[in-house]
């Protein structure tokens, strides 16, 4: 794929990629996660497709737990990571925009 990941996932597919907007599906196996990071320009809009998705923020910030059909938004500059509840398998779609996509790892 044209946008290699710096972390391991079971599967990911780019659904749409146009200037300023990116739509991707992710499947995380047991124990996998999208590690802590920020985006400098874009907002992440998560849509849970299968399982239960946890979108975590650093301590002191509320996190989200999504079941199938639920959505959650993370604004640019906000540290977050995504994983299946209790480390379980999860599949989700993410809409990323509007702006230039980047993935900036952060320590929390």
N, C-alpha and C. Protein backbone atom coordinates (compact mmCIF):
# COMPACT_ATOMS: atom_id res chain seq x y z
N UNK A 1 0.83 -1.19 0.00
CA UNK A 1 0.00 0.00 0.00
C UNK A 1 0.87 1.24 0.00
N UNK A 2 0.31 2.33 -0.40
CA UNK A 2 1.09 3.54 -0.56
C UNK A 2 1.39 4.28 0.74
N UNK A 3 0.77 3.90 1.84
CA UNK A 3 0.94 4.62 3.11
C UNK A 3 1.25 3.60 4.21
N UNK A 4 2.50 3.11 4.27
CA UNK A 4 2.82 2.03 5.22
C UNK A 4 2.62 2.47 6.66
N UNK A 5 2.19 1.53 7.49
CA UNK A 5 1.99 1.79 8.91
C UNK A 5 3.30 1.54 9.65
N UNK A 6 3.47 2.24 10.76
CA UNK A 6 4.66 2.05 11.59
C UNK A 6 4.36 1.12 12.76
N UNK A 7 3.22 0.44 12.73
CA UNK A 7 2.81 -0.47 13.78
C UNK A 7 2.05 -1.63 13.13
N UNK A 8 1.87 -2.72 13.88
CA UNK A 8 1.28 -3.93 13.32
C UNK A 8 -0.22 -3.99 13.57
N UNK A 9 -0.97 -4.32 12.52
CA UNK A 9 -2.42 -4.54 12.62
C UNK A 9 -2.77 -5.79 11.80
N UNK A 10 -3.92 -6.38 12.09
CA UNK A 10 -4.36 -7.55 11.32
C UNK A 10 -4.62 -7.18 9.87
N UNK A 11 -5.33 -6.06 9.67
CA UNK A 11 -5.67 -5.65 8.31
C UNK A 11 -6.00 -4.16 8.31
N UNK A 12 -5.74 -3.52 7.18
CA UNK A 12 -6.19 -2.15 6.97
C UNK A 12 -6.34 -1.92 5.48
N UNK A 13 -7.36 -1.16 5.14
CA UNK A 13 -7.65 -0.88 3.73
C UNK A 13 -8.01 0.59 3.57
N UNK A 14 -7.39 1.23 2.60
CA UNK A 14 -7.77 2.61 2.29
C UNK A 14 -9.06 2.55 1.46
N UNK A 15 -10.11 3.16 1.97
CA UNK A 15 -11.40 3.20 1.28
C UNK A 15 -11.42 4.36 0.30
N UNK A 16 -10.89 5.49 0.74
CA UNK A 16 -10.85 6.69 -0.11
C UNK A 16 -9.66 7.54 0.31
N UNK A 17 -9.00 8.11 -0.67
CA UNK A 17 -7.85 8.97 -0.40
C UNK A 17 -7.85 10.09 -1.44
N UNK A 18 -8.21 11.28 -0.99
CA UNK A 18 -8.21 12.46 -1.84
C UNK A 18 -7.51 13.57 -1.06
N UNK A 19 -7.03 14.60 -1.73
CA UNK A 19 -6.38 15.69 -0.99
C UNK A 19 -7.26 16.21 0.14
N UNK A 20 -6.72 16.16 1.36
CA UNK A 20 -7.43 16.69 2.52
C UNK A 20 -8.34 15.72 3.24
N UNK A 21 -8.52 14.49 2.69
CA UNK A 21 -9.44 13.53 3.32
C UNK A 21 -8.97 12.10 3.07
N UNK A 22 -9.02 11.32 4.13
CA UNK A 22 -8.59 9.91 4.06
C UNK A 22 -9.61 9.08 4.84
N UNK A 23 -10.06 7.96 4.25
CA UNK A 23 -10.99 7.04 4.90
C UNK A 23 -10.36 5.66 4.88
N UNK A 24 -10.24 5.03 6.06
CA UNK A 24 -9.53 3.76 6.20
C UNK A 24 -10.33 2.83 7.12
N UNK A 25 -10.32 1.53 6.80
CA UNK A 25 -10.83 0.53 7.74
C UNK A 25 -9.64 -0.16 8.39
N UNK A 26 -9.77 -0.46 9.67
CA UNK A 26 -8.75 -1.16 10.43
C UNK A 26 -9.36 -2.37 11.10
N UNK A 27 -8.61 -3.47 11.14
CA UNK A 27 -8.95 -4.61 11.98
C UNK A 27 -7.75 -4.85 12.89
N UNK A 28 -8.00 -4.84 14.19
CA UNK A 28 -6.96 -5.11 15.18
C UNK A 28 -7.22 -6.48 15.78
N UNK A 29 -6.20 -7.34 15.75
CA UNK A 29 -6.30 -8.65 16.41
C UNK A 29 -6.15 -8.46 17.91
N UNK A 30 -6.39 -9.55 18.65
CA UNK A 30 -6.22 -9.51 20.10
C UNK A 30 -4.84 -8.96 20.43
N UNK A 31 -4.78 -8.02 21.35
CA UNK A 31 -3.53 -7.46 21.82
C UNK A 31 -2.93 -6.36 20.97
N UNK A 32 -3.46 -6.11 19.77
CA UNK A 32 -2.94 -5.04 18.92
C UNK A 32 -3.60 -3.71 19.26
N UNK A 33 -2.89 -2.62 18.95
CA UNK A 33 -3.48 -1.30 19.13
C UNK A 33 -2.84 -0.33 18.14
N UNK A 34 -3.54 0.76 17.90
CA UNK A 34 -2.95 1.90 17.20
C UNK A 34 -2.30 2.70 18.31
N UNK A 35 -0.96 2.81 18.32
CA UNK A 35 -0.27 3.40 19.47
C UNK A 35 -0.55 4.89 19.67
N UNK A 36 -0.14 5.39 20.82
CA UNK A 36 -0.32 6.79 21.18
C UNK A 36 0.24 7.70 20.09
N UNK A 37 -0.57 8.69 19.70
CA UNK A 37 -0.17 9.62 18.66
C UNK A 37 -1.07 10.84 18.65
N UNK A 38 -0.68 11.81 17.84
CA UNK A 38 -1.53 12.95 17.52
C UNK A 38 -1.49 13.15 16.01
N UNK A 39 -2.40 13.97 15.54
CA UNK A 39 -2.37 14.48 14.17
C UNK A 39 -2.33 16.00 14.30
N UNK A 40 -1.50 16.65 13.52
CA UNK A 40 -1.35 18.10 13.69
C UNK A 40 -2.45 18.91 13.00
N UNK A 41 -3.08 18.36 11.97
CA UNK A 41 -4.12 19.11 11.24
C UNK A 41 -5.48 18.46 11.25
N UNK A 42 -5.53 17.14 11.19
CA UNK A 42 -6.80 16.46 10.91
C UNK A 42 -7.53 16.03 12.18
N UNK A 43 -8.83 15.85 12.03
CA UNK A 43 -9.69 15.26 13.04
C UNK A 43 -9.92 13.80 12.66
N UNK A 44 -9.90 12.92 13.65
CA UNK A 44 -10.25 11.50 13.45
C UNK A 44 -11.71 11.30 13.83
N UNK A 45 -12.48 10.72 12.94
CA UNK A 45 -13.87 10.34 13.25
C UNK A 45 -13.94 8.83 13.17
N UNK A 46 -14.11 8.17 14.31
CA UNK A 46 -14.14 6.71 14.42
C UNK A 46 -15.57 6.20 14.28
N UNK A 47 -15.74 5.08 13.54
CA UNK A 47 -17.01 4.38 13.42
C UNK A 47 -16.75 2.91 13.75
N UNK A 48 -17.33 2.40 14.82
CA UNK A 48 -17.11 1.00 15.20
C UNK A 48 -17.94 0.09 14.30
N UNK A 49 -17.27 -0.91 13.70
CA UNK A 49 -17.93 -1.84 12.78
C UNK A 49 -18.14 -3.23 13.38
N UNK A 50 -17.24 -3.63 14.28
CA UNK A 50 -17.30 -4.98 14.85
C UNK A 50 -16.54 -4.98 16.17
N UNK A 51 -17.09 -5.61 17.20
CA UNK A 51 -16.45 -5.65 18.51
C UNK A 51 -16.71 -4.37 19.28
N UNK A 52 -15.88 -4.10 20.27
CA UNK A 52 -15.97 -2.87 21.07
C UNK A 52 -14.64 -2.14 20.97
N UNK A 53 -14.70 -0.89 20.54
CA UNK A 53 -13.52 -0.07 20.31
C UNK A 53 -13.31 0.87 21.49
N UNK A 54 -12.08 0.89 22.00
CA UNK A 54 -11.70 1.86 23.02
C UNK A 54 -10.79 2.89 22.38
N UNK A 55 -11.17 4.16 22.48
CA UNK A 55 -10.32 5.26 22.07
C UNK A 55 -9.89 5.93 23.37
N UNK A 56 -8.62 5.78 23.68
CA UNK A 56 -8.11 6.25 24.97
C UNK A 56 -7.36 7.56 24.82
N UNK A 57 -7.44 8.34 25.89
CA UNK A 57 -6.69 9.58 26.02
C UNK A 57 -5.83 9.46 27.28
N UNK A 58 -4.83 10.32 27.43
CA UNK A 58 -4.00 10.26 28.64
C UNK A 58 -4.85 10.46 29.90
N UNK A 59 -4.30 10.02 31.02
CA UNK A 59 -5.00 10.16 32.30
C UNK A 59 -5.46 11.60 32.50
N UNK A 60 -6.65 11.75 33.05
CA UNK A 60 -7.21 13.07 33.26
C UNK A 60 -8.11 13.53 32.13
N UNK A 61 -8.09 12.82 31.01
CA UNK A 61 -8.97 13.14 29.89
C UNK A 61 -9.94 11.97 29.71
N UNK A 62 -11.22 12.24 29.48
CA UNK A 62 -12.17 11.13 29.30
C UNK A 62 -11.87 10.35 28.03
N UNK A 63 -12.02 9.03 28.11
CA UNK A 63 -11.85 8.14 26.97
C UNK A 63 -13.22 7.69 26.49
N UNK A 64 -13.25 6.97 25.37
CA UNK A 64 -14.53 6.53 24.79
C UNK A 64 -14.51 5.04 24.56
N UNK A 65 -15.68 4.42 24.73
CA UNK A 65 -15.88 3.01 24.44
C UNK A 65 -17.04 2.93 23.46
N UNK A 66 -16.76 2.43 22.24
CA UNK A 66 -17.76 2.40 21.18
C UNK A 66 -18.18 0.97 20.87
N UNK A 67 -19.48 0.77 20.73
CA UNK A 67 -20.00 -0.50 20.24
C UNK A 67 -20.42 -0.30 18.79
N UNK A 68 -20.79 -1.37 18.13
CA UNK A 68 -21.13 -1.33 16.71
C UNK A 68 -22.14 -0.22 16.41
N UNK A 69 -21.78 0.62 15.44
CA UNK A 69 -22.65 1.70 15.01
C UNK A 69 -22.39 3.03 15.69
N UNK A 70 -21.60 3.03 16.76
CA UNK A 70 -21.33 4.28 17.45
C UNK A 70 -20.13 5.00 16.84
N UNK A 71 -20.09 6.32 17.04
CA UNK A 71 -19.02 7.14 16.50
C UNK A 71 -18.38 7.96 17.61
N UNK A 72 -17.18 8.45 17.33
CA UNK A 72 -16.44 9.28 18.29
C UNK A 72 -15.43 10.09 17.50
N UNK A 73 -15.21 11.32 17.93
CA UNK A 73 -14.32 12.24 17.22
C UNK A 73 -13.16 12.68 18.12
N UNK A 74 -11.96 12.70 17.55
CA UNK A 74 -10.78 13.20 18.23
C UNK A 74 -10.22 14.35 17.41
N UNK A 75 -10.14 15.51 18.03
CA UNK A 75 -9.66 16.70 17.33
C UNK A 75 -8.15 16.69 17.13
N UNK A 76 -7.69 17.45 16.17
CA UNK A 76 -6.25 17.59 15.90
C UNK A 76 -5.54 18.03 17.17
N UNK A 77 -4.35 17.45 17.39
CA UNK A 77 -3.53 17.82 18.53
C UNK A 77 -3.83 17.10 19.82
N UNK A 78 -4.88 16.27 19.84
CA UNK A 78 -5.27 15.56 21.06
C UNK A 78 -4.64 14.16 21.05
N UNK A 79 -3.81 13.82 22.05
CA UNK A 79 -3.19 12.49 22.10
C UNK A 79 -4.25 11.40 22.28
N UNK A 80 -4.07 10.31 21.54
CA UNK A 80 -5.01 9.19 21.65
C UNK A 80 -4.39 7.91 21.12
N UNK A 81 -5.02 6.79 21.49
CA UNK A 81 -4.70 5.49 20.91
C UNK A 81 -6.00 4.71 20.80
N UNK A 82 -6.01 3.69 19.94
CA UNK A 82 -7.22 2.90 19.71
C UNK A 82 -6.90 1.43 19.88
N UNK A 83 -7.85 0.69 20.50
CA UNK A 83 -7.67 -0.74 20.70
C UNK A 83 -9.02 -1.38 20.97
N UNK A 84 -9.05 -2.70 20.89
CA UNK A 84 -10.25 -3.42 21.25
C UNK A 84 -10.40 -3.46 22.76
N UNK A 85 -11.63 -3.47 23.22
CA UNK A 85 -11.89 -3.53 24.67
C UNK A 85 -11.22 -4.77 25.26
N UNK A 86 -10.54 -4.57 26.37
CA UNK A 86 -9.83 -5.65 27.07
C UNK A 86 -8.84 -6.35 26.14
N UNK A 87 -8.32 -5.63 25.15
CA UNK A 87 -7.34 -6.19 24.23
C UNK A 87 -7.93 -7.10 23.17
N UNK A 88 -9.26 -7.12 23.04
CA UNK A 88 -9.93 -8.01 22.08
C UNK A 88 -9.87 -7.50 20.65
N UNK A 89 -10.34 -8.34 19.74
CA UNK A 89 -10.37 -8.02 18.31
C UNK A 89 -11.43 -6.96 18.05
N UNK A 90 -11.14 -6.04 17.13
CA UNK A 90 -12.07 -4.98 16.80
C UNK A 90 -11.84 -4.54 15.36
N UNK A 91 -12.93 -4.09 14.73
CA UNK A 91 -12.83 -3.54 13.36
C UNK A 91 -13.56 -2.20 13.36
N UNK A 92 -12.93 -1.19 12.74
CA UNK A 92 -13.52 0.13 12.71
C UNK A 92 -13.12 0.87 11.44
N UNK A 93 -13.91 1.88 11.13
CA UNK A 93 -13.65 2.76 10.01
C UNK A 93 -13.28 4.11 10.59
N UNK A 94 -12.34 4.79 9.95
CA UNK A 94 -11.94 6.11 10.43
C UNK A 94 -11.91 7.09 9.27
N UNK A 95 -12.53 8.24 9.47
CA UNK A 95 -12.51 9.33 8.50
C UNK A 95 -11.55 10.37 9.05
N UNK A 96 -10.55 10.74 8.25
CA UNK A 96 -9.49 11.64 8.70
C UNK A 96 -9.41 12.85 7.80
N UNK A 97 -9.70 14.02 8.34
CA UNK A 97 -9.65 15.24 7.56
C UNK A 97 -10.17 16.39 8.41
N UNK A 98 -10.28 17.49 7.92
CA UNK A 98 -9.83 17.98 6.63
C UNK A 98 -8.45 18.59 6.84
N UNK A 99 -7.50 18.20 6.01
CA UNK A 99 -6.13 18.69 6.10
C UNK A 99 -5.17 17.60 5.67
N UNK A 100 -3.90 17.85 5.88
CA UNK A 100 -2.86 16.91 5.52
C UNK A 100 -2.71 15.87 6.61
N UNK A 101 -2.79 14.59 6.24
CA UNK A 101 -2.66 13.49 7.19
C UNK A 101 -1.21 13.36 7.66
N UNK A 102 -1.04 13.18 8.96
CA UNK A 102 0.24 12.75 9.52
C UNK A 102 -0.02 11.94 10.78
N UNK A 103 0.96 11.16 11.19
CA UNK A 103 0.88 10.33 12.38
C UNK A 103 2.12 10.65 13.21
N UNK A 104 1.93 11.33 14.32
CA UNK A 104 3.03 11.79 15.15
C UNK A 104 3.00 11.01 16.47
N UNK A 105 3.90 10.03 16.67
CA UNK A 105 3.92 9.28 17.92
C UNK A 105 4.19 10.21 19.11
N UNK A 106 3.55 9.93 20.24
CA UNK A 106 3.76 10.70 21.47
C UNK A 106 3.93 9.75 22.63
N UNK A 107 4.67 10.18 23.63
CA UNK A 107 4.80 9.44 24.89
C UNK A 107 3.79 10.01 25.87
N UNK A 108 3.06 9.15 26.54
CA UNK A 108 2.12 9.63 27.56
C UNK A 108 2.39 8.95 28.88
